[in-house]
N, C-alpha and C. Protein backbone atom coordinates (compact mmCIF):
# COMPACT_ATOMS: atom_id res chain seq x y z
N MET A 1 -15.37 131.62 -134.29
CA MET A 1 -14.14 132.17 -133.75
C MET A 1 -13.27 131.02 -133.27
N ASP A 2 -11.99 131.20 -133.38
CA ASP A 2 -11.02 130.19 -132.94
C ASP A 2 -11.04 130.09 -131.42
N PRO A 3 -11.27 128.86 -130.85
CA PRO A 3 -11.34 128.73 -129.39
C PRO A 3 -10.04 129.12 -128.69
N ILE A 4 -8.94 129.04 -129.39
CA ILE A 4 -7.66 129.42 -128.79
C ILE A 4 -7.59 130.93 -128.61
N LEU A 5 -8.22 131.68 -129.50
CA LEU A 5 -8.16 133.13 -129.44
C LEU A 5 -9.28 133.73 -128.60
N GLU A 6 -10.31 132.94 -128.28
CA GLU A 6 -11.41 133.46 -127.48
C GLU A 6 -10.95 133.67 -126.04
N PRO A 7 -11.39 134.75 -125.44
CA PRO A 7 -11.02 134.97 -124.03
C PRO A 7 -11.69 133.92 -123.16
N SER A 8 -10.98 133.51 -122.15
CA SER A 8 -11.59 132.56 -121.22
C SER A 8 -12.12 133.34 -120.03
N PHE A 9 -13.33 133.02 -119.65
CA PHE A 9 -13.96 133.69 -118.52
C PHE A 9 -14.06 132.69 -117.38
N PRO A 10 -13.75 133.15 -116.17
CA PRO A 10 -13.85 132.24 -115.02
C PRO A 10 -15.31 131.84 -114.81
N ARG A 11 -15.48 130.60 -114.38
CA ARG A 11 -16.83 130.16 -114.05
C ARG A 11 -17.31 130.95 -112.85
N SER A 12 -18.62 131.14 -112.77
CA SER A 12 -19.13 131.86 -111.61
C SER A 12 -18.86 131.01 -110.36
N VAL A 13 -18.48 131.69 -109.32
CA VAL A 13 -18.14 131.01 -108.08
C VAL A 13 -19.27 131.26 -107.09
N VAL A 14 -19.81 130.19 -106.57
CA VAL A 14 -20.86 130.30 -105.56
C VAL A 14 -20.18 130.65 -104.24
N PRO A 15 -20.65 131.69 -103.56
CA PRO A 15 -20.05 132.07 -102.28
C PRO A 15 -20.18 130.95 -101.25
N ASP A 16 -19.22 130.89 -100.35
CA ASP A 16 -19.25 129.89 -99.28
C ASP A 16 -20.54 129.96 -98.49
N SER A 17 -21.00 131.17 -98.21
CA SER A 17 -22.22 131.33 -97.40
C SER A 17 -23.42 130.66 -98.08
N ALA A 18 -23.49 130.74 -99.40
CA ALA A 18 -24.58 130.09 -100.12
C ALA A 18 -24.43 128.57 -100.05
N LEU A 19 -23.19 128.10 -100.12
CA LEU A 19 -22.97 126.65 -100.01
C LEU A 19 -23.34 126.14 -98.62
N VAL A 20 -23.02 126.91 -97.59
CA VAL A 20 -23.38 126.51 -96.23
C VAL A 20 -24.90 126.47 -96.09
N ARG A 21 -25.60 127.46 -96.65
CA ARG A 21 -27.07 127.44 -96.61
C ARG A 21 -27.62 126.20 -97.32
N ARG A 22 -27.02 125.87 -98.46
CA ARG A 22 -27.47 124.67 -99.19
C ARG A 22 -27.19 123.41 -98.38
N MET A 23 -26.06 123.39 -97.66
CA MET A 23 -25.77 122.23 -96.81
C MET A 23 -26.80 122.13 -95.69
N ALA A 24 -27.23 123.26 -95.15
CA ALA A 24 -28.25 123.26 -94.11
C ALA A 24 -29.54 122.63 -94.63
N ASP A 25 -29.77 122.75 -95.94
CA ASP A 25 -30.93 122.13 -96.59
C ASP A 25 -30.61 120.71 -97.08
N ARG A 26 -29.45 120.21 -96.67
CA ARG A 26 -28.99 118.84 -96.96
C ARG A 26 -28.66 118.61 -98.44
N ASP A 27 -28.04 119.60 -99.05
CA ASP A 27 -27.55 119.47 -100.42
C ASP A 27 -26.10 118.97 -100.36
N ALA A 28 -25.90 117.71 -100.64
CA ALA A 28 -24.56 117.10 -100.54
C ALA A 28 -23.60 117.68 -101.57
N THR A 29 -24.11 118.18 -102.69
CA THR A 29 -23.20 118.76 -103.68
C THR A 29 -22.51 120.00 -103.14
N ALA A 30 -23.16 120.70 -102.21
CA ALA A 30 -22.54 121.88 -101.58
C ALA A 30 -21.34 121.45 -100.73
N LEU A 31 -21.50 120.36 -100.00
CA LEU A 31 -20.38 119.84 -99.20
C LEU A 31 -19.24 119.41 -100.11
N ILE A 32 -19.55 118.76 -101.19
CA ILE A 32 -18.52 118.31 -102.13
C ILE A 32 -17.75 119.51 -102.67
N GLU A 33 -18.45 120.60 -102.98
CA GLU A 33 -17.78 121.79 -103.50
C GLU A 33 -16.87 122.42 -102.44
N LEU A 34 -17.33 122.49 -101.20
CA LEU A 34 -16.47 123.02 -100.14
C LEU A 34 -15.26 122.12 -99.90
N GLN A 35 -15.44 120.82 -100.00
CA GLN A 35 -14.30 119.91 -99.87
C GLN A 35 -13.30 120.14 -101.00
N ARG A 36 -13.81 120.34 -102.22
CA ARG A 36 -12.94 120.59 -103.36
C ARG A 36 -12.13 121.87 -103.14
N ARG A 37 -12.78 122.89 -102.60
CA ARG A 37 -12.11 124.18 -102.39
C ARG A 37 -11.08 124.13 -101.27
N TYR A 38 -11.41 123.47 -100.17
CA TYR A 38 -10.66 123.68 -98.94
C TYR A 38 -9.99 122.46 -98.33
N ARG A 39 -10.21 121.28 -98.86
CA ARG A 39 -9.62 120.09 -98.23
C ARG A 39 -8.10 120.20 -98.12
N GLY A 40 -7.47 120.68 -99.16
CA GLY A 40 -6.00 120.79 -99.16
C GLY A 40 -5.47 121.71 -98.08
N SER A 41 -6.06 122.88 -97.93
CA SER A 41 -5.57 123.82 -96.92
C SER A 41 -5.91 123.35 -95.51
N VAL A 42 -7.07 122.72 -95.33
CA VAL A 42 -7.41 122.19 -94.01
C VAL A 42 -6.47 121.04 -93.67
N TYR A 43 -6.18 120.20 -94.65
CA TYR A 43 -5.25 119.09 -94.42
C TYR A 43 -3.87 119.63 -94.02
N ALA A 44 -3.40 120.65 -94.70
CA ALA A 44 -2.08 121.21 -94.39
C ALA A 44 -2.03 121.71 -92.95
N ARG A 45 -3.09 122.36 -92.52
CA ARG A 45 -3.15 122.86 -91.13
C ARG A 45 -3.11 121.70 -90.15
N VAL A 46 -3.92 120.67 -90.39
CA VAL A 46 -3.99 119.52 -89.49
C VAL A 46 -2.66 118.76 -89.49
N TYR A 47 -2.09 118.57 -90.65
CA TYR A 47 -0.82 117.84 -90.74
C TYR A 47 0.28 118.58 -89.99
N SER A 48 0.25 119.91 -90.01
CA SER A 48 1.27 120.68 -89.30
C SER A 48 1.18 120.48 -87.78
N ILE A 49 0.04 120.02 -87.30
CA ILE A 49 -0.14 119.75 -85.88
C ILE A 49 0.20 118.30 -85.56
N LEU A 50 -0.23 117.38 -86.41
CA LEU A 50 -0.10 115.95 -86.10
C LEU A 50 1.15 115.28 -86.68
N TRP A 51 1.63 115.74 -87.80
CA TRP A 51 2.75 115.12 -88.50
C TRP A 51 2.53 113.62 -88.73
N ASP A 52 1.30 113.28 -89.12
CA ASP A 52 0.93 111.89 -89.37
C ASP A 52 -0.16 111.91 -90.45
N THR A 53 0.16 111.38 -91.63
CA THR A 53 -0.76 111.49 -92.76
C THR A 53 -2.09 110.78 -92.52
N GLU A 54 -2.03 109.59 -91.97
CA GLU A 54 -3.26 108.82 -91.76
C GLU A 54 -4.18 109.51 -90.76
N ARG A 55 -3.61 109.94 -89.64
CA ARG A 55 -4.42 110.61 -88.61
C ARG A 55 -4.91 111.98 -89.10
N ALA A 56 -4.09 112.65 -89.89
CA ALA A 56 -4.51 113.94 -90.45
C ALA A 56 -5.71 113.76 -91.37
N GLU A 57 -5.68 112.75 -92.21
CA GLU A 57 -6.83 112.47 -93.10
C GLU A 57 -8.10 112.21 -92.29
N LEU A 58 -7.98 111.44 -91.22
CA LEU A 58 -9.14 111.14 -90.38
C LEU A 58 -9.70 112.41 -89.74
N VAL A 59 -8.82 113.26 -89.25
CA VAL A 59 -9.26 114.50 -88.62
C VAL A 59 -9.93 115.42 -89.64
N VAL A 60 -9.37 115.52 -90.83
CA VAL A 60 -9.97 116.37 -91.87
C VAL A 60 -11.36 115.84 -92.23
N THR A 61 -11.49 114.54 -92.35
CA THR A 61 -12.79 113.95 -92.64
C THR A 61 -13.79 114.30 -91.54
N ARG A 62 -13.35 114.18 -90.28
CA ARG A 62 -14.23 114.52 -89.15
C ARG A 62 -14.63 115.99 -89.18
N ALA A 63 -13.70 116.86 -89.54
CA ALA A 63 -14.02 118.30 -89.60
C ALA A 63 -15.10 118.57 -90.64
N PHE A 64 -14.99 117.95 -91.81
CA PHE A 64 -16.03 118.15 -92.83
C PHE A 64 -17.35 117.51 -92.40
N GLU A 65 -17.30 116.40 -91.70
CA GLU A 65 -18.53 115.80 -91.16
C GLU A 65 -19.18 116.75 -90.17
N GLN A 66 -18.38 117.37 -89.32
CA GLN A 66 -18.93 118.32 -88.35
C GLN A 66 -19.51 119.54 -89.05
N LEU A 67 -18.87 120.00 -90.13
CA LEU A 67 -19.41 121.11 -90.91
C LEU A 67 -20.78 120.74 -91.45
N TRP A 68 -20.91 119.55 -91.96
CA TRP A 68 -22.19 119.07 -92.51
C TRP A 68 -23.28 119.13 -91.44
N HIS A 69 -22.97 118.67 -90.24
CA HIS A 69 -23.98 118.64 -89.18
C HIS A 69 -24.22 120.01 -88.56
N ALA A 70 -23.22 120.89 -88.62
CA ALA A 70 -23.34 122.21 -88.00
C ALA A 70 -23.87 123.27 -88.96
N ALA A 71 -24.06 122.93 -90.20
CA ALA A 71 -24.43 123.93 -91.22
C ALA A 71 -25.66 124.75 -90.82
N VAL A 72 -26.62 124.12 -90.17
CA VAL A 72 -27.83 124.86 -89.78
C VAL A 72 -27.55 125.89 -88.69
N ARG A 73 -26.44 125.73 -87.96
CA ARG A 73 -26.11 126.64 -86.86
C ARG A 73 -25.04 127.67 -87.22
N ILE A 74 -24.40 127.51 -88.37
CA ILE A 74 -23.30 128.42 -88.73
C ILE A 74 -23.87 129.75 -89.18
N ASN A 75 -23.31 130.81 -88.63
CA ASN A 75 -23.70 132.17 -88.98
C ASN A 75 -23.41 132.39 -90.46
N GLY A 76 -24.38 132.94 -91.18
CA GLY A 76 -24.23 133.16 -92.61
C GLY A 76 -23.03 134.00 -92.97
N GLY A 77 -22.62 134.91 -92.09
CA GLY A 77 -21.48 135.77 -92.38
C GLY A 77 -20.14 135.10 -92.09
N GLN A 78 -20.19 134.02 -91.35
CA GLN A 78 -18.94 133.34 -90.99
C GLN A 78 -18.43 132.56 -92.20
N ARG A 79 -17.15 132.68 -92.46
CA ARG A 79 -16.59 131.98 -93.61
C ARG A 79 -16.41 130.51 -93.31
N ALA A 80 -16.76 129.68 -94.26
CA ALA A 80 -16.64 128.23 -94.09
C ALA A 80 -15.19 127.84 -93.83
N LEU A 81 -14.25 128.48 -94.51
CA LEU A 81 -12.85 128.12 -94.34
C LEU A 81 -12.39 128.40 -92.91
N SER A 82 -12.75 129.55 -92.36
CA SER A 82 -12.31 129.85 -90.99
C SER A 82 -12.95 128.89 -90.00
N TRP A 83 -14.20 128.54 -90.22
CA TRP A 83 -14.87 127.56 -89.35
C TRP A 83 -14.16 126.21 -89.45
N LEU A 84 -13.87 125.79 -90.66
CA LEU A 84 -13.20 124.50 -90.87
C LEU A 84 -11.80 124.49 -90.25
N GLN A 85 -11.03 125.56 -90.48
CA GLN A 85 -9.67 125.62 -89.95
C GLN A 85 -9.68 125.54 -88.42
N ARG A 86 -10.58 126.30 -87.80
CA ARG A 86 -10.65 126.31 -86.34
C ARG A 86 -11.08 124.94 -85.81
N THR A 87 -12.13 124.38 -86.40
CA THR A 87 -12.64 123.08 -85.96
C THR A 87 -11.61 121.98 -86.18
N ALA A 88 -10.97 121.98 -87.33
CA ALA A 88 -9.96 120.96 -87.64
C ALA A 88 -8.77 121.07 -86.69
N ALA A 89 -8.35 122.31 -86.39
CA ALA A 89 -7.22 122.49 -85.46
C ALA A 89 -7.59 121.99 -84.07
N GLU A 90 -8.80 122.27 -83.61
CA GLU A 90 -9.25 121.78 -82.31
C GLU A 90 -9.27 120.25 -82.28
N LEU A 91 -9.78 119.65 -83.34
CA LEU A 91 -9.80 118.19 -83.43
C LEU A 91 -8.38 117.61 -83.45
N ALA A 92 -7.49 118.27 -84.18
CA ALA A 92 -6.11 117.79 -84.28
C ALA A 92 -5.40 117.87 -82.93
N HIS A 93 -5.61 118.97 -82.20
CA HIS A 93 -5.00 119.10 -80.88
C HIS A 93 -5.55 118.04 -79.92
N ALA A 94 -6.85 117.78 -80.01
CA ALA A 94 -7.45 116.74 -79.16
C ALA A 94 -6.88 115.37 -79.53
N GLU A 95 -6.71 115.13 -80.81
CA GLU A 95 -6.14 113.85 -81.28
C GLU A 95 -4.71 113.70 -80.78
N ARG A 96 -3.94 114.77 -80.86
CA ARG A 96 -2.55 114.74 -80.40
C ARG A 96 -2.48 114.48 -78.89
N THR A 97 -3.37 115.12 -78.14
CA THR A 97 -3.42 114.92 -76.68
C THR A 97 -3.81 113.48 -76.35
N ASN A 98 -4.81 112.95 -77.04
CA ASN A 98 -5.25 111.57 -76.80
C ASN A 98 -4.16 110.56 -77.16
N ARG A 99 -3.37 110.88 -78.15
CA ARG A 99 -2.29 109.98 -78.58
C ARG A 99 -1.20 109.87 -77.50
N ARG A 100 -0.98 110.98 -76.79
CA ARG A 100 0.06 111.00 -75.78
C ARG A 100 -0.32 110.20 -74.53
N ARG A 101 -1.62 110.00 -74.34
CA ARG A 101 -2.06 109.30 -73.12
C ARG A 101 -1.83 107.83 -73.20
């Protein structure tokens, strides 16, 4: 069959909760997949608070590092994106406060 005419099927998507469980077992590929999915939206949230690209990148990196370490404690029903957004926003506000001092 002609590949152009064949229907394209989306790749199966591993749920965030499964990726978090894999991270709890120290599977770094799970963290990489969550970064691929959510780094852009987490960065946008942090940048909207800090308005500084370099500091926003550092905060986003810290948020993903915290996700890696907290994976064993994260409730399976809690969405990784909501956890990341909340944690990143808290870190960004702390960074902004520290900058003003």
